[in-house]
């Protein structure tokens, strides 16, 4: 499994994507706390939508991309606040730097995904055109072989960003289902 984390919008002026390729060791497992490393003073947590690849693909056309993913979740990524992209691997791809939530099925014949995030009593509704996800999956497949179980995080989708506080409990629901639940240590 690999995590393909797009760092720029699909409509960006450059033709080559800026992608962080994160390994499976970057994922915090089994609902363990997210440990903040000491090599930076200030950290942020970015929470975005991730999709799970369901079949092998290379050079997938955007119109067929929806056939290559079947589930969605929230992905929380720890990164130094003072580092801009592109960044070094030690700043963004260290062990346990990312938390992947519980997977939810994606409706097959929907053009717009309406997501409702609930965090700390705050309700945020985001509408995401399926075409944005399809474009990102197609774009990633032109540079990487996408395989069953890979996670793609589109960079141009609306994301939440928050400052990291130690001993904080992150509890975020997606469409009424608890997706992310972990503690920051």
N, C-alpha and C. Protein backbone atom coordinates (compact mmCIF):
# COMPACT_ATOMS: atom_id res chain seq x y z
N UNK A 1 0.84 -1.18 0.00
CA UNK A 1 0.00 0.00 0.00
C UNK A 1 0.88 1.24 0.00
N UNK A 2 0.46 2.22 -0.75
CA UNK A 2 1.13 3.51 -0.73
C UNK A 2 0.06 4.60 -0.66
N UNK A 3 0.46 5.75 -0.17
CA UNK A 3 -0.44 6.89 -0.10
C UNK A 3 0.07 7.93 -1.07
N UNK A 4 -0.76 8.31 -2.03
CA UNK A 4 -0.43 9.35 -3.00
C UNK A 4 -1.15 10.61 -2.57
N UNK A 5 -0.41 11.56 -2.05
CA UNK A 5 -0.99 12.77 -1.47
C UNK A 5 -0.68 13.93 -2.40
N UNK A 6 -1.68 14.37 -3.15
CA UNK A 6 -1.50 15.47 -4.09
C UNK A 6 -1.33 16.77 -3.33
N UNK A 7 -0.29 17.51 -3.66
CA UNK A 7 0.02 18.76 -2.96
C UNK A 7 -0.44 19.99 -3.74
N UNK A 8 -1.15 19.78 -4.85
CA UNK A 8 -1.59 20.92 -5.65
C UNK A 8 -2.89 20.60 -6.35
N UNK A 9 -3.62 21.62 -6.73
CA UNK A 9 -4.88 21.40 -7.44
C UNK A 9 -4.67 20.79 -8.82
N UNK A 10 -5.70 20.09 -9.29
CA UNK A 10 -5.66 19.53 -10.64
C UNK A 10 -5.51 20.64 -11.67
N UNK A 11 -6.12 21.79 -11.42
CA UNK A 11 -6.09 22.92 -12.36
C UNK A 11 -4.83 23.78 -12.22
N UNK A 12 -3.81 23.30 -11.54
CA UNK A 12 -2.59 24.08 -11.33
C UNK A 12 -1.92 24.38 -12.66
N UNK A 13 -1.17 25.50 -12.73
CA UNK A 13 -0.55 25.88 -14.00
C UNK A 13 0.55 24.93 -14.47
N UNK A 14 1.16 24.17 -13.56
CA UNK A 14 2.20 23.24 -13.98
C UNK A 14 1.58 21.95 -14.48
N UNK A 15 2.26 21.28 -15.41
CA UNK A 15 1.72 20.05 -15.96
C UNK A 15 2.08 18.84 -15.12
N UNK A 16 3.20 18.91 -14.41
CA UNK A 16 3.60 17.79 -13.57
C UNK A 16 3.09 18.00 -12.15
N UNK A 17 2.47 16.99 -11.58
CA UNK A 17 1.91 17.16 -10.23
C UNK A 17 3.00 17.16 -9.16
N UNK A 18 2.71 17.85 -8.08
CA UNK A 18 3.56 17.76 -6.90
C UNK A 18 2.87 16.77 -5.98
N UNK A 19 3.50 15.62 -5.79
CA UNK A 19 2.90 14.52 -5.06
C UNK A 19 3.83 14.07 -3.95
N UNK A 20 3.28 13.89 -2.75
CA UNK A 20 4.02 13.25 -1.68
C UNK A 20 3.67 11.77 -1.74
N UNK A 21 4.67 10.94 -1.89
CA UNK A 21 4.48 9.49 -1.92
C UNK A 21 4.84 8.98 -0.53
N UNK A 22 3.81 8.59 0.22
CA UNK A 22 4.01 8.15 1.59
C UNK A 22 3.89 6.64 1.66
N UNK A 23 4.74 6.03 2.44
CA UNK A 23 4.72 4.57 2.58
C UNK A 23 3.75 4.15 3.67
N UNK A 24 3.52 2.85 3.77
CA UNK A 24 2.59 2.37 4.79
C UNK A 24 3.12 2.58 6.20
N UNK A 25 4.42 2.77 6.39
CA UNK A 25 4.94 3.04 7.74
C UNK A 25 4.57 4.46 8.20
N UNK A 26 4.13 5.31 7.28
CA UNK A 26 3.68 6.65 7.64
C UNK A 26 2.32 6.63 8.32
N UNK A 27 1.61 5.52 8.21
CA UNK A 27 0.25 5.42 8.75
C UNK A 27 0.30 4.97 10.20
N UNK A 28 -0.38 5.71 11.06
CA UNK A 28 -0.54 5.32 12.46
C UNK A 28 -1.59 4.22 12.51
N UNK A 29 -1.25 3.10 13.11
CA UNK A 29 -2.11 1.91 13.06
C UNK A 29 -2.90 1.68 14.35
N UNK A 30 -3.95 0.94 14.22
CA UNK A 30 -4.74 0.40 15.34
C UNK A 30 -5.19 1.45 16.34
N UNK A 31 -5.60 2.60 15.84
CA UNK A 31 -6.13 3.67 16.69
C UNK A 31 -5.14 4.13 17.76
N UNK A 32 -3.85 4.00 17.47
CA UNK A 32 -2.83 4.48 18.40
C UNK A 32 -2.78 6.00 18.35
N UNK A 33 -2.27 6.63 19.41
CA UNK A 33 -2.15 8.09 19.39
C UNK A 33 -1.19 8.55 18.30
N UNK A 34 -1.36 9.77 17.87
CA UNK A 34 -0.46 10.39 16.92
C UNK A 34 0.60 11.14 17.73
N UNK A 35 1.85 10.68 17.63
CA UNK A 35 2.93 11.27 18.42
C UNK A 35 3.59 12.39 17.63
N UNK A 36 3.72 13.55 18.25
CA UNK A 36 4.33 14.72 17.62
C UNK A 36 5.84 14.65 17.83
N UNK A 37 6.62 14.59 16.75
CA UNK A 37 8.08 14.52 16.89
C UNK A 37 8.66 15.85 17.39
N UNK A 38 9.83 15.80 17.99
CA UNK A 38 10.41 17.03 18.57
C UNK A 38 11.20 17.89 17.59
N UNK A 39 11.32 17.51 16.31
CA UNK A 39 12.22 18.25 15.42
C UNK A 39 11.65 19.54 14.84
N UNK A 40 10.43 19.94 15.22
CA UNK A 40 9.87 21.26 14.88
C UNK A 40 9.09 21.78 16.08
N UNK A 41 8.97 23.11 16.16
CA UNK A 41 8.27 23.71 17.30
C UNK A 41 6.76 23.71 17.12
N UNK A 42 6.29 24.01 15.92
CA UNK A 42 4.86 24.15 15.68
C UNK A 42 4.42 23.20 14.58
N UNK A 43 3.29 22.52 14.81
CA UNK A 43 2.77 21.54 13.87
C UNK A 43 1.33 21.87 13.53
N UNK A 44 0.92 21.48 12.33
CA UNK A 44 -0.48 21.59 11.94
C UNK A 44 -0.99 20.22 11.54
N UNK A 45 -2.29 20.06 11.62
CA UNK A 45 -2.94 18.84 11.22
C UNK A 45 -3.89 19.18 10.07
N UNK A 46 -3.67 18.57 8.92
CA UNK A 46 -4.51 18.79 7.76
C UNK A 46 -5.44 17.59 7.61
N UNK A 47 -6.72 17.85 7.49
CA UNK A 47 -7.69 16.77 7.36
C UNK A 47 -8.37 16.91 6.01
N UNK A 48 -8.30 15.86 5.21
CA UNK A 48 -8.89 15.88 3.88
C UNK A 48 -9.53 14.56 3.53
N UNK A 49 -10.13 14.51 2.38
CA UNK A 49 -10.80 13.31 1.90
C UNK A 49 -9.79 12.40 1.21
N UNK A 50 -9.88 11.12 1.47
CA UNK A 50 -9.06 10.13 0.79
C UNK A 50 -9.95 9.09 0.14
N UNK A 51 -9.51 8.54 -0.99
CA UNK A 51 -10.25 7.46 -1.65
C UNK A 51 -9.35 6.24 -1.74
N UNK A 52 -9.97 5.06 -1.65
CA UNK A 52 -9.22 3.81 -1.70
C UNK A 52 -9.32 3.20 -3.09
N UNK A 53 -8.17 2.89 -3.66
CA UNK A 53 -8.11 2.28 -4.99
C UNK A 53 -8.59 0.84 -4.88
N UNK A 54 -9.44 0.43 -5.81
CA UNK A 54 -10.04 -0.90 -5.76
C UNK A 54 -9.57 -1.84 -6.87
N UNK A 55 -8.75 -1.32 -7.78
CA UNK A 55 -8.23 -2.19 -8.85
C UNK A 55 -6.95 -1.63 -9.44
N UNK A 56 -6.22 -2.46 -10.11
CA UNK A 56 -4.95 -2.10 -10.72
C UNK A 56 -5.18 -1.20 -11.93
N UNK A 57 -4.38 -0.15 -12.06
CA UNK A 57 -4.57 0.74 -13.19
C UNK A 57 -3.33 1.56 -13.53
N UNK A 58 -3.18 1.88 -14.78
CA UNK A 58 -2.12 2.74 -15.28
C UNK A 58 -2.69 3.50 -16.47
N UNK A 59 -2.44 4.80 -16.53
CA UNK A 59 -2.96 5.67 -17.59
C UNK A 59 -4.49 5.56 -17.72
N UNK A 60 -5.17 5.72 -16.60
CA UNK A 60 -6.62 5.65 -16.55
C UNK A 60 -7.20 6.96 -17.08
N UNK A 61 -8.14 6.88 -18.00
CA UNK A 61 -8.81 8.07 -18.52
C UNK A 61 -9.77 8.61 -17.45
N UNK A 62 -9.90 9.94 -17.35
CA UNK A 62 -10.80 10.50 -16.34
C UNK A 62 -12.23 9.96 -16.39
N UNK A 63 -12.73 9.66 -17.57
CA UNK A 63 -14.11 9.18 -17.67
C UNK A 63 -14.28 7.76 -17.11
N UNK A 64 -13.16 7.01 -16.94
CA UNK A 64 -13.22 5.67 -16.36
C UNK A 64 -12.70 5.63 -14.93
N UNK A 65 -12.22 6.74 -14.41
CA UNK A 65 -11.54 6.76 -13.11
C UNK A 65 -12.44 6.31 -11.97
N UNK A 66 -13.74 6.57 -12.05
CA UNK A 66 -14.64 6.19 -10.95
C UNK A 66 -14.70 4.68 -10.76
N UNK A 67 -14.28 3.92 -11.74
CA UNK A 67 -14.24 2.46 -11.63
C UNK A 67 -13.06 1.98 -10.80
N UNK A 68 -12.12 2.87 -10.50
CA UNK A 68 -10.87 2.49 -9.85
C UNK A 68 -10.83 2.81 -8.35
N UNK A 69 -11.89 3.36 -7.80
CA UNK A 69 -11.96 3.57 -6.34
C UNK A 69 -13.38 3.29 -5.88
N UNK A 70 -13.48 2.81 -4.63
CA UNK A 70 -14.80 2.40 -4.16
C UNK A 70 -15.13 2.82 -2.74
N UNK A 71 -14.20 3.47 -2.05
CA UNK A 71 -14.46 3.86 -0.67
C UNK A 71 -13.80 5.19 -0.39
N UNK A 72 -14.35 5.90 0.62
CA UNK A 72 -13.79 7.19 1.00
C UNK A 72 -13.62 7.24 2.52
N UNK A 73 -12.74 8.10 2.96
CA UNK A 73 -12.52 8.31 4.37
C UNK A 73 -11.91 9.68 4.58
N UNK A 74 -11.66 10.02 5.82
CA UNK A 74 -10.91 11.23 6.13
C UNK A 74 -9.49 10.83 6.46
N UNK A 75 -8.56 11.67 6.04
CA UNK A 75 -7.14 11.43 6.27
C UNK A 75 -6.60 12.64 7.02
N UNK A 76 -5.96 12.39 8.16
CA UNK A 76 -5.35 13.46 8.95
C UNK A 76 -3.85 13.35 8.79
N UNK A 77 -3.23 14.45 8.44
CA UNK A 77 -1.79 14.46 8.18
C UNK A 77 -1.10 15.50 9.04
N UNK A 78 -0.08 15.07 9.75
CA UNK A 78 0.71 15.93 10.61
C UNK A 78 1.86 16.50 9.79
N UNK A 79 2.02 17.82 9.84
CA UNK A 79 3.14 18.43 9.11
C UNK A 79 3.61 19.67 9.85
N UNK A 80 4.89 20.01 9.72
CA UNK A 80 5.40 21.21 10.37
C UNK A 80 4.73 22.46 9.80
N UNK A 81 4.38 23.39 10.66
CA UNK A 81 3.70 24.61 10.22
C UNK A 81 4.61 25.52 9.42
N UNK A 82 5.92 25.47 9.67
CA UNK A 82 6.85 26.38 9.03
C UNK A 82 7.40 25.87 7.70
N UNK A 83 7.02 24.67 7.28
CA UNK A 83 7.57 24.07 6.06
C UNK A 83 6.60 24.26 4.91
N UNK A 84 7.09 24.79 3.80
CA UNK A 84 6.25 24.94 2.61
C UNK A 84 6.54 23.78 1.66
N UNK A 85 5.62 23.57 0.75
CA UNK A 85 5.75 22.46 -0.20
C UNK A 85 6.43 22.93 -1.46
N UNK A 86 7.22 22.11 -2.14
CA UNK A 86 7.60 20.77 -1.74
C UNK A 86 8.59 20.80 -0.58
N UNK A 87 8.54 19.77 0.24
CA UNK A 87 9.37 19.70 1.44
C UNK A 87 10.19 18.42 1.42
N UNK A 88 11.14 18.33 2.35
CA UNK A 88 11.97 17.14 2.43
C UNK A 88 11.17 15.99 3.04
N UNK A 89 11.59 14.78 2.76
CA UNK A 89 10.90 13.60 3.27
C UNK A 89 10.90 13.54 4.79
N UNK A 90 11.94 14.05 5.43
CA UNK A 90 11.98 14.01 6.89
C UNK A 90 10.94 14.93 7.51
N UNK A 91 10.45 15.90 6.76
CA UNK A 91 9.42 16.80 7.28
C UNK A 91 8.00 16.30 7.05
N UNK A 92 7.80 15.47 6.05
CA UNK A 92 6.43 15.09 5.72
C UNK A 92 6.17 13.59 5.66
N UNK A 93 7.20 12.75 5.60
CA UNK A 93 6.97 11.31 5.40
C UNK A 93 7.55 10.46 6.52
N UNK A 94 7.60 11.00 7.72
CA UNK A 94 8.15 10.23 8.83
C UNK A 94 7.12 9.20 9.32
N UNK A 95 7.56 8.24 10.10
CA UNK A 95 6.68 7.18 10.59
C UNK A 95 5.53 7.77 11.42
N UNK A 96 4.37 7.21 11.24
CA UNK A 96 3.15 7.58 11.96
C UNK A 96 2.79 9.06 11.82
N UNK A 97 2.96 9.60 10.62
CA UNK A 97 2.63 11.01 10.38
C UNK A 97 1.23 11.20 9.82
N UNK A 98 0.53 10.11 9.58
CA UNK A 98 -0.78 10.20 8.94
C UNK A 98 -1.75 9.22 9.61
N UNK A 99 -2.99 9.62 9.74
CA UNK A 99 -4.03 8.75 10.30
C UNK A 99 -5.11 8.61 9.25
N UNK A 100 -5.46 7.37 8.93
CA UNK A 100 -6.51 7.10 7.96
C UNK A 100 -7.73 6.62 8.72
N UNK A 101 -8.87 7.24 8.46
CA UNK A 101 -10.10 6.93 9.17
C UNK A 101 -10.77 5.65 8.69
N UNK A 102 -11.96 5.43 9.20
CA UNK A 102 -12.76 4.27 8.81
C UNK A 102 -13.29 4.47 7.39
N UNK A 103 -13.26 3.41 6.60
CA UNK A 103 -13.69 3.51 5.20
C UNK A 103 -15.22 3.44 5.08
N UNK A 104 -15.75 4.30 4.22
CA UNK A 104 -17.19 4.33 3.94
C UNK A 104 -17.38 4.12 2.43
N UNK A 105 -18.43 3.41 2.03
CA UNK A 105 -18.67 3.21 0.59
C UNK A 105 -19.05 4.52 -0.09
N UNK A 106 -18.68 4.63 -1.35
CA UNK A 106 -19.06 5.80 -2.17
C UNK A 106 -20.22 5.38 -3.06
N UNK A 107 -21.30 6.14 -3.06
CA UNK A 107 -22.40 5.81 -3.98
C UNK A 107 -21.90 5.82 -5.43
N UNK A 108 -22.27 4.81 -6.19
CA UNK A 108 -21.73 4.62 -7.53
C UNK A 108 -22.21 5.65 -8.55
N UNK A 109 -23.45 6.06 -8.49
CA UNK A 109 -24.00 6.89 -9.56
C UNK A 109 -24.33 8.31 -9.09
N UNK A 110 -23.44 8.90 -8.33
CA UNK A 110 -23.65 10.25 -7.81
C UNK A 110 -22.59 11.17 -8.41
N UNK A 111 -23.02 12.33 -8.93
CA UNK A 111 -22.08 13.28 -9.52
C UNK A 111 -21.47 14.23 -8.50
N UNK A 112 -22.14 14.40 -7.37
CA UNK A 112 -21.68 15.31 -6.33
C UNK A 112 -21.71 14.60 -4.99
N UNK A 113 -20.55 14.59 -4.29
CA UNK A 113 -20.51 14.01 -2.96
C UNK A 113 -20.74 15.11 -1.95
N UNK A 114 -21.79 14.99 -1.17
CA UNK A 114 -22.07 15.96 -0.11
C UNK A 114 -21.60 15.36 1.20
N UNK A 115 -20.55 15.94 1.76
CA UNK A 115 -19.95 15.43 2.98
C UNK A 115 -20.27 16.37 4.13
N UNK A 116 -20.60 15.79 5.26
CA UNK A 116 -20.85 16.57 6.47
C UNK A 116 -19.82 16.16 7.51
N UNK A 117 -18.99 17.11 7.92
CA UNK A 117 -17.97 16.86 8.93
C UNK A 117 -18.43 17.47 10.24
N UNK A 118 -18.28 16.72 11.30
CA UNK A 118 -18.62 17.22 12.63
C UNK A 118 -17.38 17.10 13.48
N UNK A 119 -16.89 18.22 14.00
CA UNK A 119 -15.69 18.24 14.83
C UNK A 119 -15.90 19.21 15.97
N UNK A 120 -15.85 18.71 17.20
CA UNK A 120 -16.00 19.57 18.37
C UNK A 120 -17.29 20.36 18.38
N UNK A 121 -18.37 19.76 17.90
CA UNK A 121 -19.66 20.44 17.87
C UNK A 121 -19.85 21.33 16.66
N UNK A 122 -18.79 21.56 15.88
CA UNK A 122 -18.87 22.40 14.69
C UNK A 122 -19.25 21.54 13.49
N UNK A 123 -20.21 22.00 12.72
CA UNK A 123 -20.70 21.27 11.56
C UNK A 123 -20.23 21.96 10.29
N UNK A 124 -19.56 21.20 9.42
CA UNK A 124 -19.06 21.73 8.15
C UNK A 124 -19.61 20.85 7.04
N UNK A 125 -20.25 21.45 6.05
CA UNK A 125 -20.76 20.71 4.90
C UNK A 125 -19.94 21.08 3.67
N UNK A 126 -19.47 20.05 2.99
CA UNK A 126 -18.63 20.23 1.80
C UNK A 126 -19.26 19.45 0.66
N UNK A 127 -19.41 20.10 -0.48
CA UNK A 127 -19.87 19.42 -1.69
C UNK A 127 -18.69 19.28 -2.63
N UNK A 128 -18.43 18.06 -3.04
CA UNK A 128 -17.27 17.78 -3.89
C UNK A 128 -17.75 17.15 -5.19
N UNK A 129 -17.45 17.80 -6.32
CA UNK A 129 -17.80 17.17 -7.60
C UNK A 129 -16.99 15.90 -7.79
N UNK A 130 -17.64 14.85 -8.18
CA UNK A 130 -16.97 13.57 -8.41
C UNK A 130 -15.89 13.72 -9.48
N UNK A 131 -16.08 14.65 -10.41
CA UNK A 131 -15.11 14.85 -11.49
C UNK A 131 -13.74 15.28 -10.96
N UNK A 132 -13.71 16.02 -9.83
CA UNK A 132 -12.42 16.40 -9.24
C UNK A 132 -11.65 15.18 -8.76
N UNK A 133 -12.36 14.26 -8.13
CA UNK A 133 -11.71 13.03 -7.68
C UNK A 133 -11.26 12.21 -8.88
N UNK A 134 -12.13 12.10 -9.88
CA UNK A 134 -11.79 11.34 -11.09
C UNK A 134 -10.55 11.92 -11.77
N UNK A 135 -10.47 13.24 -11.88
CA UNK A 135 -9.31 13.87 -12.51
C UNK A 135 -8.03 13.58 -11.74
N UNK A 136 -8.11 13.60 -10.42
CA UNK A 136 -6.92 13.32 -9.61
C UNK A 136 -6.49 11.87 -9.75
N UNK A 137 -7.43 10.94 -9.70
CA UNK A 137 -7.11 9.52 -9.86
C UNK A 137 -6.48 9.28 -11.24
N UNK A 138 -7.05 9.89 -12.28
CA UNK A 138 -6.50 9.74 -13.63
C UNK A 138 -5.09 10.33 -13.71
N UNK A 139 -4.91 11.49 -13.11
CA UNK A 139 -3.60 12.16 -13.15
C UNK A 139 -2.54 11.33 -12.41
N UNK A 140 -2.90 10.80 -11.24
CA UNK A 140 -1.96 9.98 -10.48
C UNK A 140 -1.59 8.71 -11.24
N UNK A 141 -2.58 8.12 -11.94
CA UNK A 141 -2.32 6.87 -12.66
C UNK A 141 -1.43 7.07 -13.88
N UNK A 142 -1.26 8.31 -14.31
CA UNK A 142 -0.35 8.54 -15.43
C UNK A 142 1.11 8.61 -14.97
N UNK A 143 1.33 8.77 -13.66
CA UNK A 143 2.69 8.82 -13.12
C UNK A 143 3.02 7.59 -12.27
N UNK A 144 2.02 6.97 -11.67
CA UNK A 144 2.22 5.83 -10.78
C UNK A 144 1.26 4.72 -11.17
N UNK A 145 1.70 3.49 -10.99
CA UNK A 145 0.80 2.35 -11.12
C UNK A 145 -0.05 2.35 -9.85
N UNK A 146 -1.36 2.52 -9.99
CA UNK A 146 -2.21 2.48 -8.81
C UNK A 146 -2.66 1.03 -8.60
N UNK A 147 -2.65 0.61 -7.34
CA UNK A 147 -2.95 -0.78 -7.02
C UNK A 147 -4.03 -0.86 -5.96
N UNK A 148 -4.67 -2.01 -5.89
CA UNK A 148 -5.71 -2.26 -4.90
C UNK A 148 -5.16 -1.95 -3.50
N UNK A 149 -5.88 -1.11 -2.75
CA UNK A 149 -5.47 -0.76 -1.40
C UNK A 149 -4.72 0.55 -1.28
N UNK A 150 -4.24 1.10 -2.40
CA UNK A 150 -3.58 2.40 -2.36
C UNK A 150 -4.58 3.47 -1.95
N UNK A 151 -4.07 4.54 -1.35
CA UNK A 151 -4.92 5.65 -0.92
C UNK A 151 -4.50 6.89 -1.70
N UNK A 152 -5.47 7.57 -2.31
CA UNK A 152 -5.20 8.81 -3.03
C UNK A 152 -5.92 9.94 -2.31
N UNK A 153 -5.15 10.99 -1.98
CA UNK A 153 -5.72 12.17 -1.33
C UNK A 153 -5.61 13.32 -2.32
N UNK A 154 -6.73 13.71 -2.94
CA UNK A 154 -6.70 14.82 -3.90
C UNK A 154 -6.36 16.14 -3.22
N UNK A 155 -5.48 16.91 -3.84
CA UNK A 155 -5.02 18.16 -3.24
C UNK A 155 -5.94 19.33 -3.45
N UNK A 156 -6.87 19.23 -4.38
CA UNK A 156 -7.70 20.40 -4.67
C UNK A 156 -9.06 20.33 -4.00
N UNK A 157 -9.26 19.36 -3.14
CA UNK A 157 -10.52 19.28 -2.42
C UNK A 157 -10.44 20.12 -1.16
N UNK A 158 -11.55 20.64 -0.70
CA UNK A 158 -11.52 21.44 0.53
C UNK A 158 -11.01 20.62 1.70
N UNK A 159 -10.11 21.19 2.46
CA UNK A 159 -9.54 20.51 3.61
C UNK A 159 -9.63 21.40 4.84
N UNK A 160 -9.61 20.76 5.98
CA UNK A 160 -9.57 21.48 7.24
C UNK A 160 -8.13 21.49 7.72
N UNK A 161 -7.73 22.59 8.33
CA UNK A 161 -6.38 22.65 8.90
C UNK A 161 -6.49 23.24 10.29
N UNK A 162 -5.79 22.64 11.24
CA UNK A 162 -5.84 23.11 12.61
C UNK A 162 -4.46 23.01 13.25
N UNK A 163 -4.20 23.87 14.22
CA UNK A 163 -2.95 23.78 14.97
C UNK A 163 -3.01 22.58 15.89
N UNK A 164 -1.86 21.97 16.11
CA UNK A 164 -1.78 20.78 16.94
C UNK A 164 -1.55 21.17 18.39
N UNK A 165 -2.38 20.63 19.26
CA UNK A 165 -2.22 20.81 20.70
C UNK A 165 -2.03 19.43 21.32
N UNK A 166 -1.03 19.31 22.18
CA UNK A 166 -0.77 18.03 22.83
C UNK A 166 -1.93 17.64 23.73
N UNK A 167 -2.14 16.34 23.87
CA UNK A 167 -3.21 15.75 24.67
C UNK A 167 -4.60 16.16 24.18
N UNK A 168 -4.70 16.48 22.90
CA UNK A 168 -5.97 16.84 22.29
C UNK A 168 -6.59 15.58 21.68
N UNK A 169 -7.89 15.44 21.82
CA UNK A 169 -8.59 14.31 21.23
C UNK A 169 -9.24 14.78 19.93
N UNK A 170 -8.90 14.12 18.84
CA UNK A 170 -9.48 14.42 17.53
C UNK A 170 -10.62 13.43 17.30
N UNK A 171 -11.80 13.96 17.09
CA UNK A 171 -12.98 13.12 16.88
C UNK A 171 -13.81 13.79 15.78
N UNK A 172 -13.75 13.23 14.56
CA UNK A 172 -14.42 13.85 13.43
C UNK A 172 -15.32 12.82 12.75
N UNK A 173 -16.54 13.23 12.51
CA UNK A 173 -17.51 12.36 11.84
C UNK A 173 -17.65 12.77 10.38
N UNK A 174 -17.87 11.79 9.53
CA UNK A 174 -18.11 12.02 8.11
C UNK A 174 -19.47 11.42 7.79
N UNK A 175 -20.40 12.26 7.36
CA UNK A 175 -21.77 11.83 7.05
C UNK A 175 -22.41 11.03 8.19
N UNK A 176 -22.17 11.48 9.43
CA UNK A 176 -22.80 10.86 10.59
C UNK A 176 -22.07 9.65 11.15
N UNK A 177 -20.97 9.22 10.54
CA UNK A 177 -20.19 8.07 11.01
C UNK A 177 -18.84 8.57 11.51
N UNK A 178 -18.43 8.13 12.70
CA UNK A 178 -17.13 8.54 13.22
C UNK A 178 -16.05 7.96 12.34
N UNK A 179 -15.29 8.85 11.73
CA UNK A 179 -14.24 8.44 10.80
C UNK A 179 -12.87 8.51 11.45
N UNK A 180 -12.60 9.61 12.12
CA UNK A 180 -11.31 9.80 12.77
C UNK A 180 -11.53 9.94 14.27
N UNK A 181 -10.79 9.14 15.02
CA UNK A 181 -10.86 9.20 16.48
C UNK A 181 -9.48 8.81 17.00
N UNK A 182 -8.70 9.81 17.42
CA UNK A 182 -7.36 9.53 17.95
C UNK A 182 -6.93 10.68 18.84
N UNK A 183 -5.87 10.42 19.60
CA UNK A 183 -5.34 11.41 20.53
C UNK A 183 -3.97 11.85 20.04
N UNK A 184 -3.65 13.11 20.28
CA UNK A 184 -2.33 13.66 19.91
C UNK A 184 -1.47 13.68 21.17
N UNK A 185 -0.33 13.07 21.09
CA UNK A 185 0.60 13.01 22.24
C UNK A 185 1.90 13.72 21.91
